[in-house]
Amino acid sequence: MKKKDLKKVSKLLFNQLQDQKDKLAAAKKAERENNSKLCEPCTEASPFELCEYDVNVSERFKKLVNNIINYPDNLRFDYNANWISISTDSIKDLKKSNSNNSNSPRKISDSDHLRIEITKTGFTLEQGYNKYSRYKDDTMYDYFIEIVKAKVKEVNATNFNNVWDLIAKESGIVRDSNLDDIFTED
């Protein structure tokens, strides 16, 4: 084939491929537009149904959470301006120290999972992944937020000090630092 004929064939082939690409893009755009008409975006999430405020339940919940946070070794704390979350993988290991847990690994059951969520409108208590209880209480968040912040600060400080001590001792940094201090003293 001549070079001139090859250019014509390649140009014809390129144009056909470009047309197919344009048609496919148009079809996808039309499909997206149709789907967007079917599914209007949600303006806000639908809230969970909460049981009405019950003073007895709220008081028992406060006692439970205040007792649980005294054992922070096996808890995860998260919070922001709208919610607080406290959770553990195993209710049975809640009172055990981390060192005890690492020596005897055991299978954790889904039913041992505990999650507590406190929002500005109420609270949720979940045991396992399918048993939960939700109540309205618009004072619970305000009651716990400063307590949880203080506990997180305490846990972070303890964890930092433990990690720092371990690194300093195991790596020998403390010894090097002490030697530097001795030799640089006037």
Protein backbone atom coordinates (compact mmCIF):
# COMPACT_ATOMS: atom_id res chain seq x y z
CA MET A 1 0.00 0.00 0.00
CA LYS A 2 1.14 3.45 -0.77
CA LYS A 3 1.90 5.93 1.97
CA LYS A 4 -0.88 8.21 0.74
CA ASP A 5 -3.45 5.39 0.91
CA LEU A 6 -2.28 4.39 4.40
CA LYS A 7 -2.85 7.95 5.62
CA LYS A 8 -6.40 7.93 4.19
CA VAL A 9 -7.21 4.58 5.81
CA SER A 10 -5.77 5.59 9.16
CA LYS A 11 -7.63 8.90 9.06
CA LEU A 12 -10.88 7.10 8.19
CA LEU A 13 -10.30 4.57 10.99
CA PHE A 14 -9.44 7.34 13.48
CA ASN A 15 -12.64 9.25 12.60
CA GLN A 16 -14.80 6.16 13.04
CA LEU A 17 -13.22 5.39 16.43
CA GLN A 18 -13.69 9.01 17.50
CA ASP A 19 -17.37 8.88 16.48
CA GLN A 20 -17.86 5.68 18.49
CA LYS A 21 -16.15 7.26 21.49
CA ASP A 22 -18.37 10.36 21.24
CA LYS A 23 -21.54 8.24 20.95
CA LEU A 24 -20.53 6.18 24.00
CA ALA A 25 -19.81 9.34 26.03
CA ALA A 26 -23.20 10.80 25.03
CA ALA A 27 -24.96 7.57 26.02
CA LYS A 28 -23.24 7.54 29.43
CA LYS A 29 -24.12 11.18 30.00
CA ALA A 30 -27.79 10.50 29.15
CA GLU A 31 -27.78 7.51 31.52
CA ARG A 32 -26.33 9.63 34.35
CA GLU A 33 -28.95 12.30 33.77
CA ASN A 34 -31.75 9.71 33.86
CA ASN A 35 -30.36 8.18 37.05
CA SER A 36 -30.02 11.56 38.72
CA LYS A 37 -33.68 12.27 37.98
CA LEU A 38 -34.63 8.97 39.61
CA CYS A 39 -32.52 9.52 42.73
CA GLU A 40 -32.79 13.01 44.09
CA PRO A 41 -29.98 13.82 46.51
CA CYS A 42 -30.85 13.62 50.19
CA THR A 43 -30.74 16.93 51.98
CA GLU A 44 -30.35 15.35 55.41
CA ALA A 45 -30.00 11.87 56.85
CA SER A 46 -33.06 10.33 58.39
CA PRO A 47 -32.49 10.07 62.13
CA PHE A 48 -32.77 6.83 64.07
CA GLU A 49 -35.96 6.42 65.96
CA LEU A 50 -35.31 7.19 69.61
CA CYS A 51 -37.46 6.16 72.53
CA GLU A 52 -38.87 9.01 74.54
CA TYR A 53 -36.85 10.40 77.42
CA ASP A 54 -36.89 8.19 80.52
CA VAL A 55 -35.29 9.64 83.64
CA ASN A 56 -34.55 6.20 85.13
CA VAL A 57 -32.84 4.96 81.97
CA SER A 58 -30.81 8.17 81.69
CA GLU A 59 -29.59 7.92 85.29
CA ARG A 60 -28.64 4.24 84.87
CA PHE A 61 -26.87 5.09 81.62
CA LYS A 62 -24.85 7.84 83.33
CA LYS A 63 -23.77 5.44 86.09
CA LEU A 64 -22.80 2.79 83.54
CA VAL A 65 -20.70 5.15 81.42
CA ASN A 66 -19.06 6.74 84.46
CA ASN A 67 -18.06 3.25 85.66
CA ILE A 68 -16.88 2.07 82.22
CA ILE A 69 -14.57 5.01 81.57
CA ASN A 70 -12.63 4.16 84.72
CA TYR A 71 -11.16 1.23 82.72
CA PRO A 72 -9.74 3.00 79.65
CA ASP A 73 -7.13 0.34 78.70
CA ASN A 74 -9.53 -1.51 76.43
CA LEU A 75 -11.73 1.37 75.29
CA ARG A 76 -11.69 3.55 72.21
CA PHE A 77 -12.87 7.13 72.67
CA ASP A 78 -13.89 9.41 69.81
CA TYR A 79 -15.67 12.73 70.01
CA ASN A 80 -16.43 15.88 68.08
CA ALA A 81 -18.77 18.85 68.41
CA ASN A 82 -21.86 16.68 67.84
CA TRP A 83 -21.23 13.19 69.21
CA ILE A 84 -19.23 11.01 71.57
CA SER A 85 -18.37 7.39 70.90
CA ILE A 86 -16.99 4.89 73.40
CA SER A 87 -16.41 1.30 72.30
CA THR A 88 -14.64 -1.94 73.11
CA ASP A 89 -14.29 -5.21 71.25
CA SER A 90 -14.84 -7.30 74.37
CA ILE A 91 -17.00 -6.50 77.36
CA LYS A 92 -15.37 -9.44 79.15
CA ASP A 93 -11.91 -7.84 78.86
CA LEU A 94 -13.02 -4.37 79.91
CA LYS A 95 -11.46 -4.48 83.38
CA LYS A 96 -8.29 -6.32 82.32
CA SER A 97 -5.09 -4.42 81.74
CA ASN A 98 -3.51 -4.45 78.27
CA SER A 99 -0.59 -6.57 79.49
CA ASN A 100 -2.99 -9.32 80.60
CA ASN A 101 -4.73 -9.33 77.23
CA SER A 102 -1.54 -9.67 75.18
CA ASN A 103 -0.40 -12.80 77.07
CA SER A 104 -3.57 -14.76 76.54
CA PRO A 105 -5.14 -14.07 73.15
CA ARG A 106 -8.64 -15.41 72.85
CA LYS A 107 -11.32 -15.38 70.25
CA ILE A 108 -13.60 -12.38 70.62
CA SER A 109 -17.26 -12.91 69.93
CA ASP A 110 -19.39 -10.37 68.09
CA SER A 111 -21.75 -10.43 71.04
CA ASP A 112 -18.93 -9.14 73.29
CA HIS A 113 -18.73 -5.88 71.33
CA LEU A 114 -19.93 -2.75 73.17
CA ARG A 115 -20.55 0.64 71.59
CA ILE A 116 -21.92 3.74 73.27
CA GLU A 117 -22.84 6.79 71.23
CA ILE A 118 -24.00 10.05 72.73
CA THR A 119 -25.34 12.82 70.53
CA LYS A 120 -26.89 16.16 71.26
CA THR A 121 -30.34 14.58 70.96
CA GLY A 122 -29.87 11.29 72.78
CA PHE A 123 -27.79 8.18 73.29
CA THR A 124 -27.39 4.65 71.93
CA LEU A 125 -26.17 1.59 73.78
CA GLU A 126 -25.20 -1.36 71.54
CA GLN A 127 -24.23 -4.81 72.73
CA GLY A 128 -23.02 -7.00 69.91
CA TYR A 129 -23.97 -5.84 66.47
CA ASN A 130 -27.70 -6.36 66.67
CA LYS A 131 -28.87 -5.48 70.21
CA TYR A 132 -29.26 -1.79 70.78
CA SER A 133 -31.25 0.70 72.77
CA ARG A 134 -31.79 4.35 71.80
CA TYR A 135 -33.22 7.07 73.99
CA LYS A 136 -33.78 10.78 73.74
CA ASP A 137 -31.91 12.92 76.22
CA ASP A 138 -30.73 16.33 75.08
CA THR A 139 -28.62 16.85 78.23
CA MET A 140 -26.46 13.71 77.98
CA TYR A 141 -23.90 15.10 75.53
CA ASP A 142 -23.31 18.21 77.61
CA TYR A 143 -22.98 16.07 80.74
CA PHE A 144 -20.30 13.78 79.24
CA ILE A 145 -18.27 15.86 76.78
CA GLU A 146 -15.89 17.40 79.33
CA ILE A 147 -15.55 14.08 81.18
CA VAL A 148 -14.61 12.30 77.95
CA LYS A 149 -12.21 15.06 76.89
CA ALA A 150 -10.44 14.80 80.25
CA LYS A 151 -10.26 11.00 79.98
CA VAL A 152 -8.86 11.17 76.44
CA LYS A 153 -6.25 13.70 77.61
CA GLU A 154 -5.31 11.42 80.51
CA VAL A 155 -5.10 8.32 78.30
CA ASN A 156 -3.02 10.13 75.67
CA ALA A 157 -0.59 11.42 78.30
CA THR A 158 -0.21 7.95 79.83
CA ASN A 159 0.25 6.32 76.43
CA PHE A 160 2.81 8.94 75.37
CA ASN A 161 4.81 8.50 78.57
CA ASN A 162 4.73 4.70 78.28
CA VAL A 163 5.85 4.76 74.65
CA TRP A 164 8.53 7.38 75.34
CA ASP A 165 9.91 5.38 78.29
CA LEU A 166 9.98 2.18 76.24
CA ILE A 167 11.72 3.81 73.29
CA ALA A 168 14.20 5.65 75.49
CA LYS A 169 15.13 2.54 77.50
CA GLU A 170 15.12 -0.06 74.73
CA SER A 171 17.00 2.07 72.21
CA GLY A 172 19.62 3.39 74.63
CA ILE A 173 18.74 7.01 73.91
CA VAL A 174 18.49 7.79 77.62
CA ARG A 175 22.05 6.57 78.23
CA ASP A 176 23.37 8.64 75.28
CA SER A 177 21.50 11.68 76.51
CA ASN A 178 22.86 11.23 80.04
CA LEU A 179 26.41 10.92 78.70
CA ASP A 180 25.95 14.08 76.61
CA ASP A 181 24.71 15.92 79.69
CA ILE A 182 27.70 14.78 81.76
CA PHE A 183 30.28 15.80 79.15
CA THR A 184 28.70 19.16 78.37
CA GLU A 185 28.33 20.34 81.98
CA ASP A 186 30.64 23.20 82.91
